[in-house]
PDB file of N, CA and C in Angstrom:
ATOM      1  N   MET A   1      -6.472 -54.697 -35.295  1.00  0.00           N
ATOM      2  CA  MET A   1      -6.749 -54.875 -36.687  1.00  0.00           C
ATOM      3  C   MET A   1      -8.120 -54.310 -37.040  1.00  0.00           C
ATOM      4  N   LEU A   2      -9.102 -54.583 -36.188  1.00  0.00           N
ATOM      5  CA  LEU A   2     -10.440 -54.069 -36.482  1.00  0.00           C
ATOM      6  C   LEU A   2     -10.464 -52.547 -36.521  1.00  0.00           C
ATOM      7  N   GLU A   3      -9.714 -51.919 -35.636  1.00  0.00           N
ATOM      8  CA  GLU A   3      -9.661 -50.454 -35.640  1.00  0.00           C
ATOM      9  C   GLU A   3      -9.014 -49.939 -36.921  1.00  0.00           C
ATOM     10  N   LEU A   4      -7.969 -50.615 -37.390  1.00  0.00           N
ATOM     11  CA  LEU A   4      -7.335 -50.224 -38.658  1.00  0.00           C
ATOM     12  C   LEU A   4      -8.308 -50.370 -39.824  1.00  0.00           C
ATOM     13  N   LEU A   5      -9.111 -51.407 -39.796  1.00  0.00           N
ATOM     14  CA  LEU A   5     -10.138 -51.576 -40.831  1.00  0.00           C
ATOM     15  C   LEU A   5     -11.199 -50.479 -40.729  1.00  0.00           C
ATOM     16  N   ARG A   6     -11.625 -50.171 -39.508  1.00  0.00           N
ATOM     17  CA  ARG A   6     -12.626 -49.112 -39.301  1.00  0.00           C
ATOM     18  C   ARG A   6     -12.139 -47.769 -39.810  1.00  0.00           C
ATOM     19  N   ARG A   7     -10.867 -47.461 -39.544  1.00  0.00           N
ATOM     20  CA  ARG A   7     -10.286 -46.180 -39.966  1.00  0.00           C
ATOM     21  C   ARG A   7      -9.840 -46.198 -41.430  1.00  0.00           C
ATOM     22  N   GLU A   8     -10.044 -47.343 -42.085  1.00  0.00           N
ATOM     23  CA  GLU A   8      -9.689 -47.536 -43.494  1.00  0.00           C
ATOM     24  C   GLU A   8      -8.200 -47.356 -43.756  1.00  0.00           C
ATOM     25  N   VAL A   9      -7.380 -47.690 -42.740  1.00  0.00           N
ATOM     26  CA  VAL A   9      -5.933 -47.720 -42.902  1.00  0.00           C
ATOM     27  C   VAL A   9      -5.555 -48.993 -43.645  1.00  0.00           C
ATOM     28  N   VAL A  10      -6.273 -50.054 -43.340  1.00  0.00           N
ATOM     29  CA  VAL A  10      -6.074 -51.355 -43.986  1.00  0.00           C
ATOM     30  C   VAL A  10      -7.333 -51.663 -44.786  1.00  0.00           C
ATOM     31  N   HIS A  11      -7.133 -52.140 -45.985  1.00  0.00           N
ATOM     32  CA  HIS A  11      -8.266 -52.525 -46.830  1.00  0.00           C
ATOM     33  C   HIS A  11      -8.189 -54.026 -47.079  1.00  0.00           C
ATOM     34  N   LEU A  12      -9.252 -54.717 -46.807  1.00  0.00           N
ATOM     35  CA  LEU A  12      -9.302 -56.160 -46.983  1.00  0.00           C
ATOM     36  C   LEU A  12     -10.235 -56.483 -48.152  1.00  0.00           C
ATOM     37  N   PRO A  13      -9.661 -56.823 -49.309  1.00  0.00           N
ATOM     38  CA  PRO A  13     -10.496 -57.054 -50.484  1.00  0.00           C
ATOM     39  C   PRO A  13     -11.207 -58.415 -50.488  1.00  0.00           C
ATOM     40  N   PHE A  14     -10.870 -59.303 -49.571  1.00  0.00           N
ATOM     41  CA  PHE A  14     -11.479 -60.633 -49.533  1.00  0.00           C
ATOM     42  C   PHE A  14     -12.914 -60.537 -49.062  1.00  0.00           C
ATOM     43  N   ARG A  15     -13.820 -61.077 -49.867  1.00  0.00           N
ATOM     44  CA  ARG A  15     -15.238 -61.119 -49.519  1.00  0.00           C
ATOM     45  C   ARG A  15     -15.665 -62.567 -49.431  1.00  0.00           C
ATOM     46  N   ILE A  16     -16.018 -62.991 -48.237  1.00  0.00           N
ATOM     47  CA  ILE A  16     -16.356 -64.393 -47.995  1.00  0.00           C
ATOM     48  C   ILE A  16     -17.518 -64.860 -48.871  1.00  0.00           C
ATOM     49  N   ASP A  17     -18.468 -63.976 -49.135  1.00  0.00           N
ATOM     50  CA  ASP A  17     -19.627 -64.376 -49.938  1.00  0.00           C
ATOM     51  C   ASP A  17     -19.256 -64.755 -51.366  1.00  0.00           C
ATOM     52  N   GLU A  18     -18.124 -64.271 -51.846  1.00  0.00           N
ATOM     53  CA  GLU A  18     -17.666 -64.612 -53.194  1.00  0.00           C
ATOM     54  C   GLU A  18     -16.958 -65.970 -53.245  1.00  0.00           C
ATOM     55  N   HIS A  19     -16.687 -66.551 -52.087  1.00  0.00           N
ATOM     56  CA  HIS A  19     -15.917 -67.796 -52.010  1.00  0.00           C
ATOM     57  C   HIS A  19     -16.605 -68.868 -51.172  1.00  0.00           C
ATOM     58  N   VAL A  20     -17.900 -68.708 -50.966  1.00  0.00           N
ATOM     59  CA  VAL A  20     -18.624 -69.588 -50.048  1.00  0.00           C
ATOM     60  C   VAL A  20     -18.569 -71.052 -50.479  1.00  0.00           C
ATOM     61  N   ASN A  21     -18.618 -71.342 -51.763  1.00  0.00           N
ATOM     62  CA  ASN A  21     -18.584 -72.744 -52.194  1.00  0.00           C
ATOM     63  C   ASN A  21     -17.239 -73.392 -51.889  1.00  0.00           C
ATOM     64  N   LYS A  22     -16.160 -72.704 -52.181  1.00  0.00           N
ATOM     65  CA  LYS A  22     -14.813 -73.248 -51.918  1.00  0.00           C
ATOM     66  C   LYS A  22     -14.579 -73.365 -50.408  1.00  0.00           C
ATOM     67  N   ILE A  23     -15.014 -72.390 -49.647  1.00  0.00           N
ATOM     68  CA  ILE A  23     -14.838 -72.420 -48.191  1.00  0.00           C
ATOM     69  C   ILE A  23     -15.637 -73.569 -47.587  1.00  0.00           C
ATOM     70  N   THR A  24     -16.854 -73.764 -48.062  1.00  0.00           N
ATOM     71  CA  THR A  24     -17.674 -74.890 -47.592  1.00  0.00           C
ATOM     72  C   THR A  24     -16.984 -76.212 -47.897  1.00  0.00           C
ATOM     73  N   TRP A  25     -16.422 -76.341 -49.096  1.00  0.00           N
ATOM     74  CA  TRP A  25     -15.699 -77.549 -49.488  1.00  0.00           C
ATOM     75  C   TRP A  25     -14.516 -77.792 -48.547  1.00  0.00           C
ATOM     76  N   LEU A  26     -13.744 -76.740 -48.244  1.00  0.00           N
ATOM     77  CA  LEU A  26     -12.602 -76.877 -47.334  1.00  0.00           C
ATOM     78  C   LEU A  26     -13.056 -77.311 -45.943  1.00  0.00           C
ATOM     79  N   LEU A  27     -14.131 -76.714 -45.430  1.00  0.00           N
ATOM     80  CA  LEU A  27     -14.632 -77.069 -44.101  1.00  0.00           C
ATOM     81  C   LEU A  27     -15.050 -78.535 -44.037  1.00  0.00           C
ATOM     82  N   ARG A  28     -15.628 -79.026 -45.103  1.00  0.00           N
ATOM     83  CA  ARG A  28     -16.004 -80.439 -45.144  1.00  0.00           C
ATOM     84  C   ARG A  28     -14.779 -81.336 -45.250  1.00  0.00           C
ATOM     85  N   LYS A  29     -13.855 -80.956 -46.114  1.00  0.00           N
ATOM     86  CA  LYS A  29     -12.653 -81.766 -46.315  1.00  0.00           C
ATOM     87  C   LYS A  29     -11.860 -81.925 -45.020  1.00  0.00           C
ATOM     88  N   TYR A  30     -11.741 -80.859 -44.262  1.00  0.00           N
ATOM     89  CA  TYR A  30     -10.929 -80.873 -43.045  1.00  0.00           C
ATOM     90  C   TYR A  30     -11.775 -80.922 -41.774  1.00  0.00           C
ATOM     91  N   SER A  31     -12.982 -81.468 -41.850  1.00  0.00           N
ATOM     92  CA  SER A  31     -13.868 -81.514 -40.682  1.00  0.00           C
ATOM     93  C   SER A  31     -13.299 -82.362 -39.554  1.00  0.00           C
ATOM     94  N   ASP A  32     -12.415 -83.306 -39.874  1.00  0.00           N
ATOM     95  CA  ASP A  32     -11.819 -84.151 -38.840  1.00  0.00           C
ATOM     96  C   ASP A  32     -10.689 -83.448 -38.101  1.00  0.00           C
ATOM     97  N   VAL A  33     -10.214 -82.292 -38.579  1.00  0.00           N
ATOM     98  CA  VAL A  33      -9.076 -81.616 -37.935  1.00  0.00           C
ATOM     99  C   VAL A  33      -9.500 -80.938 -36.629  1.00  0.00           C
ATOM    100  N   PRO A  34     -10.538 -80.210 -36.451  1.00  0.00           N
ATOM    101  CA  PRO A  34     -11.442 -79.578 -37.390  1.00  0.00           C
ATOM    102  C   PRO A  34     -10.911 -78.224 -37.843  1.00  0.00           C
ATOM    103  N   MET A  35     -11.369 -77.762 -38.998  1.00  0.00           N
ATOM    104  CA  MET A  35     -10.985 -76.467 -39.559  1.00  0.00           C
ATOM    105  C   MET A  35     -12.031 -75.434 -39.144  1.00  0.00           C
ATOM    106  N   SER A  36     -11.564 -74.275 -38.722  1.00  0.00           N
ATOM    107  CA  SER A  36     -12.487 -73.186 -38.395  1.00  0.00           C
ATOM    108  C   SER A  36     -12.800 -72.387 -39.670  1.00  0.00           C
ATOM    109  N   LEU A  37     -13.820 -71.564 -39.587  1.00  0.00           N
ATOM    110  CA  LEU A  37     -14.160 -70.692 -40.705  1.00  0.00           C
ATOM    111  C   LEU A  37     -12.993 -69.756 -41.019  1.00  0.00           C
ATOM    112  N   ALA A  38     -12.338 -69.231 -39.991  1.00  0.00           N
ATOM    113  CA  ALA A  38     -11.188 -68.348 -40.203  1.00  0.00           C
ATOM    114  C   ALA A  38     -10.061 -69.087 -40.919  1.00  0.00           C
ATOM    115  N   ASP A  39      -9.793 -70.322 -40.517  1.00  0.00           N
ATOM    116  CA  ASP A  39      -8.761 -71.128 -41.184  1.00  0.00           C
ATOM    117  C   ASP A  39      -9.104 -71.344 -42.651  1.00  0.00           C
ATOM    118  N   ALA A  40     -10.369 -71.667 -42.932  1.00  0.00           N
ATOM    119  CA  ALA A  40     -10.792 -71.894 -44.313  1.00  0.00           C
ATOM    120  C   ALA A  40     -10.611 -70.633 -45.152  1.00  0.00           C
ATOM    121  N   CYS A  41     -10.908 -69.485 -44.566  1.00  0.00           N
ATOM    122  CA  CYS A  41     -10.710 -68.217 -45.283  1.00  0.00           C
ATOM    123  C   CYS A  41      -9.232 -67.986 -45.575  1.00  0.00           C
ATOM    124  N   LEU A  42      -8.361 -68.290 -44.623  1.00  0.00           N
ATOM    125  CA  LEU A  42      -6.920 -68.117 -44.845  1.00  0.00           C
ATOM    126  C   LEU A  42      -6.401 -69.075 -45.916  1.00  0.00           C
ATOM    127  N   VAL A  43      -6.888 -70.308 -45.906  1.00  0.00           N
ATOM    128  CA  VAL A  43      -6.481 -71.253 -46.949  1.00  0.00           C
ATOM    129  C   VAL A  43      -6.938 -70.731 -48.307  1.00  0.00           C
ATOM    130  N   ARG A  44      -8.168 -70.249 -48.379  1.00  0.00           N
ATOM    131  CA  ARG A  44      -8.678 -69.710 -49.646  1.00  0.00           C
ATOM    132  C   ARG A  44      -7.849 -68.512 -50.097  1.00  0.00           C
ATOM    133  N   MET A  45      -7.523 -67.623 -49.175  1.00  0.00           N
ATOM    134  CA  MET A  45      -6.701 -66.460 -49.536  1.00  0.00           C
ATOM    135  C   MET A  45      -5.312 -66.889 -50.003  1.00  0.00           C
ATOM    136  N   SER A  46      -4.788 -67.970 -49.424  1.00  0.00           N
ATOM    137  CA  SER A  46      -3.472 -68.457 -49.869  1.00  0.00           C
ATOM    138  C   SER A  46      -3.541 -68.978 -51.305  1.00  0.00           C
ATOM    139  N   GLU A  47      -4.713 -69.421 -51.730  1.00  0.00           N
ATOM    140  CA  GLU A  47      -4.900 -69.834 -53.122  1.00  0.00           C
ATOM    141  C   GLU A  47      -4.980 -68.620 -54.047  1.00  0.00           C
ATOM    142  N   LEU A  48      -5.614 -67.574 -53.568  1.00  0.00           N
ATOM    143  CA  LEU A  48      -5.803 -66.373 -54.384  1.00  0.00           C
ATOM    144  C   LEU A  48      -4.541 -65.522 -54.466  1.00  0.00           C
ATOM    145  N   TYR A  49      -3.781 -65.476 -53.382  1.00  0.00           N
ATOM    146  CA  TYR A  49      -2.567 -64.651 -53.299  1.00  0.00           C
ATOM    147  C   TYR A  49      -1.378 -65.586 -53.103  1.00  0.00           C
ATOM    148  N   ALA A  50      -0.998 -66.244 -54.165  1.00  0.00           N
ATOM    149  CA  ALA A  50      -0.032 -67.353 -54.110  1.00  0.00           C
ATOM    150  C   ALA A  50       1.332 -66.967 -53.551  1.00  0.00           C
ATOM    151  N   ASP A  51       1.742 -65.738 -53.713  1.00  0.00           N
ATOM    152  CA  ASP A  51       3.070 -65.328 -53.247  1.00  0.00           C
ATOM    153  C   ASP A  51       3.108 -64.884 -51.791  1.00  0.00           C
ATOM    154  N   SER A  52       1.985 -64.969 -51.116  1.00  0.00           N
ATOM    155  CA  SER A  52       1.901 -64.500 -49.734  1.00  0.00           C
ATOM    156  C   SER A  52       1.863 -65.663 -48.757  1.00  0.00           C
ATOM    157  N   PRO A  53       2.819 -65.736 -47.831  1.00  0.00           N
ATOM    158  CA  PRO A  53       2.763 -66.781 -46.806  1.00  0.00           C
ATOM    159  C   PRO A  53       1.694 -66.451 -45.769  1.00  0.00           C
ATOM    160  N   VAL A  54       1.260 -67.465 -45.061  1.00  0.00           N
ATOM    161  CA  VAL A  54       0.280 -67.312 -43.984  1.00  0.00           C
ATOM    162  C   VAL A  54       1.038 -67.241 -42.670  1.00  0.00           C
ATOM    163  N   LEU A  55       0.777 -66.198 -41.895  1.00  0.00           N
ATOM    164  CA  LEU A  55       1.350 -66.062 -40.561  1.00  0.00           C
ATOM    165  C   LEU A  55       0.391 -66.722 -39.588  1.00  0.00           C
ATOM    166  N   THR A  56       0.875 -67.727 -38.852  1.00  0.00           N
ATOM    167  CA  THR A  56      -0.018 -68.471 -37.962  1.00  0.00           C
ATOM    168  C   THR A  56       0.726 -69.045 -36.764  1.00  0.00           C
ATOM    169  N   LEU A  57      -0.016 -69.289 -35.715  1.00  0.00           N
ATOM    170  CA  LEU A  57       0.462 -70.031 -34.553  1.00  0.00           C
ATOM    171  C   LEU A  57      -0.163 -71.416 -34.530  1.00  0.00           C
ATOM    172  N   ASP A  58      -1.006 -71.693 -35.510  1.00  0.00           N
ATOM    173  CA  ASP A  58      -1.820 -72.906 -35.574  1.00  0.00           C
ATOM    174  C   ASP A  58      -1.089 -74.021 -36.322  1.00  0.00           C
ATOM    175  N   ASP A  59      -0.811 -75.112 -35.633  1.00  0.00           N
ATOM    176  CA  ASP A  59      -0.124 -76.255 -36.249  1.00  0.00           C
ATOM    177  C   ASP A  59      -0.944 -76.944 -37.334  1.00  0.00           C
ATOM    178  N   ASP A  60      -2.264 -76.722 -37.342  1.00  0.00           N
ATOM    179  CA  ASP A  60      -3.111 -77.356 -38.352  1.00  0.00           C
ATOM    180  C   ASP A  60      -2.747 -76.911 -39.767  1.00  0.00           C
ATOM    181  N   PHE A  61      -2.122 -75.760 -39.907  1.00  0.00           N
ATOM    182  CA  PHE A  61      -1.746 -75.293 -41.242  1.00  0.00           C
ATOM    183  C   PHE A  61      -0.654 -76.154 -41.873  1.00  0.00           C
ATOM    184  N   ARG A  62      -0.044 -77.001 -41.094  1.00  0.00           N
ATOM    185  CA  ARG A  62       0.900 -77.974 -41.672  1.00  0.00           C
ATOM    186  C   ARG A  62       0.138 -79.113 -42.357  1.00  0.00           C
ATOM    187  N   ILE A  63      -1.135 -79.274 -42.002  1.00  0.00           N
ATOM    188  CA  ILE A  63      -1.994 -80.312 -42.582  1.00  0.00           C
ATOM    189  C   ILE A  63      -2.739 -79.776 -43.809  1.00  0.00           C
ATOM    190  N   TYR A  64      -3.254 -78.553 -43.697  1.00  0.00           N
ATOM    191  CA  TYR A  64      -4.050 -77.972 -44.769  1.00  0.00           C
ATOM    192  C   TYR A  64      -3.241 -77.848 -46.050  1.00  0.00           C
ATOM    193  N   ARG A  65      -3.945 -77.926 -47.175  1.00  0.00           N
ATOM    194  CA  ARG A  65      -3.332 -77.771 -48.493  1.00  0.00           C
ATOM    195  C   ARG A  65      -4.144 -76.782 -49.304  1.00  0.00           C
ATOM    196  N   LYS A  66      -3.440 -75.979 -50.102  1.00  0.00           N
ATOM    197  CA  LYS A  66      -4.136 -75.098 -51.035  1.00  0.00           C
ATOM    198  C   LYS A  66      -4.194 -75.790 -52.386  1.00  0.00           C
ATOM    199  N   ASN A  67      -5.201 -75.452 -53.156  1.00  0.00           N
ATOM    200  CA  ASN A  67      -5.397 -76.071 -54.474  1.00  0.00           C
ATOM    201  C   ASN A  67      -5.342 -77.596 -54.391  1.00  0.00           C
ATOM    202  N   LYS A  68      -5.882 -78.115 -53.319  1.00  0.00           N
ATOM    203  CA  LYS A  68      -6.041 -79.549 -53.023  1.00  0.00           C
ATOM    204  C   LYS A  68      -4.763 -80.269 -52.613  1.00  0.00           C
ATOM    205  N   ARG A  69      -3.591 -79.911 -53.149  1.00  0.00           N
ATOM    206  CA  ARG A  69      -2.380 -80.696 -52.854  1.00  0.00           C
ATOM    207  C   ARG A  69      -1.139 -79.890 -52.542  1.00  0.00           C
ATOM    208  N   GLU A  70      -1.209 -78.580 -52.692  1.00  0.00           N
ATOM    209  CA  GLU A  70      -0.002 -77.757 -52.525  1.00  0.00           C
ATOM    210  C   GLU A  70       0.199 -77.335 -51.073  1.00  0.00           C
ATOM    211  N   ILE A  71       1.435 -77.398 -50.628  1.00  0.00           N
ATOM    212  CA  ILE A  71       1.775 -76.939 -49.284  1.00  0.00           C
ATOM    213  C   ILE A  71       1.612 -75.423 -49.223  1.00  0.00           C
ATOM    214  N   ILE A  72       1.049 -74.950 -48.149  1.00  0.00           N
ATOM    215  CA  ILE A  72       0.849 -73.518 -47.952  1.00  0.00           C
ATOM    216  C   ILE A  72       2.124 -72.937 -47.353  1.00  0.00           C
ATOM    217  N   PRO A  73       2.710 -71.912 -47.980  1.00  0.00           N
ATOM    218  CA  PRO A  73       3.890 -71.290 -47.381  1.00  0.00           C
ATOM    219  C   PRO A  73       3.502 -70.608 -46.057  1.00  0.00           C
ATOM    220  N   LEU A  74       4.269 -70.898 -45.026  1.00  0.00           N
ATOM    221  CA  LEU A  74       3.939 -70.421 -43.683  1.00  0.00           C
ATOM    222  C   LEU A  74       5.055 -69.587 -43.076  1.00  0.00           C
ATOM    223  N   LEU A  75       4.641 -68.625 -42.305  1.00  0.00           N
ATOM    224  CA  LEU A  75       5.498 -67.984 -41.308  1.00  0.00           C
ATOM    225  C   LEU A  75       4.907 -68.516 -40.009  1.00  0.00           C
ATOM    226  N   HIS A  76       5.532 -69.534 -39.451  1.00  0.00           N
ATOM    227  CA  HIS A  76       4.933 -70.272 -38.347  1.00  0.00           C
ATOM    228  C   HIS A  76       5.780 -70.112 -37.092  1.00  0.00           C
ATOM    229  N   TYR A  77       5.113 -69.808 -36.017  1.00  0.00           N
ATOM    230  CA  TYR A  77       5.780 -69.703 -34.722  1.00  0.00           C
ATOM    231  C   TYR A  77       5.072 -70.632 -33.751  1.00  0.00           C
ATOM    232  N   SER A  78       5.830 -71.429 -33.078  1.00  0.00           N
ATOM    233  CA  SER A  78       5.218 -72.306 -32.083  1.00  0.00           C
ATOM    234  C   SER A  78       6.040 -72.245 -30.800  1.00  0.00           C
ATOM    235  N   ASN A  79       5.454 -72.737 -29.727  1.00  0.00           N
ATOM    236  CA  ASN A  79       6.121 -72.698 -28.402  1.00  0.00           C
ATOM    237  C   ASN A  79       7.197 -73.732 -28.318  1.00  0.00           C
TER     238      ASN A  79
END
């Protein structure tokens, strides 16, 4: 993925600095899970891009909510 970003094959419009307050709020809310910075960014992106499911192997996404109460649509694979 990083190589695709370097070669500008993939463009990632998400800028963490534009969402720092919401991400900080999510990290505090889910500190008992605990939520990683990457997880918080994915939850935030799921709020911004409502029609896009999150692809994850992480069971914690069954706990996380977007927009405080909405279930995040997942493409989830587990063992």
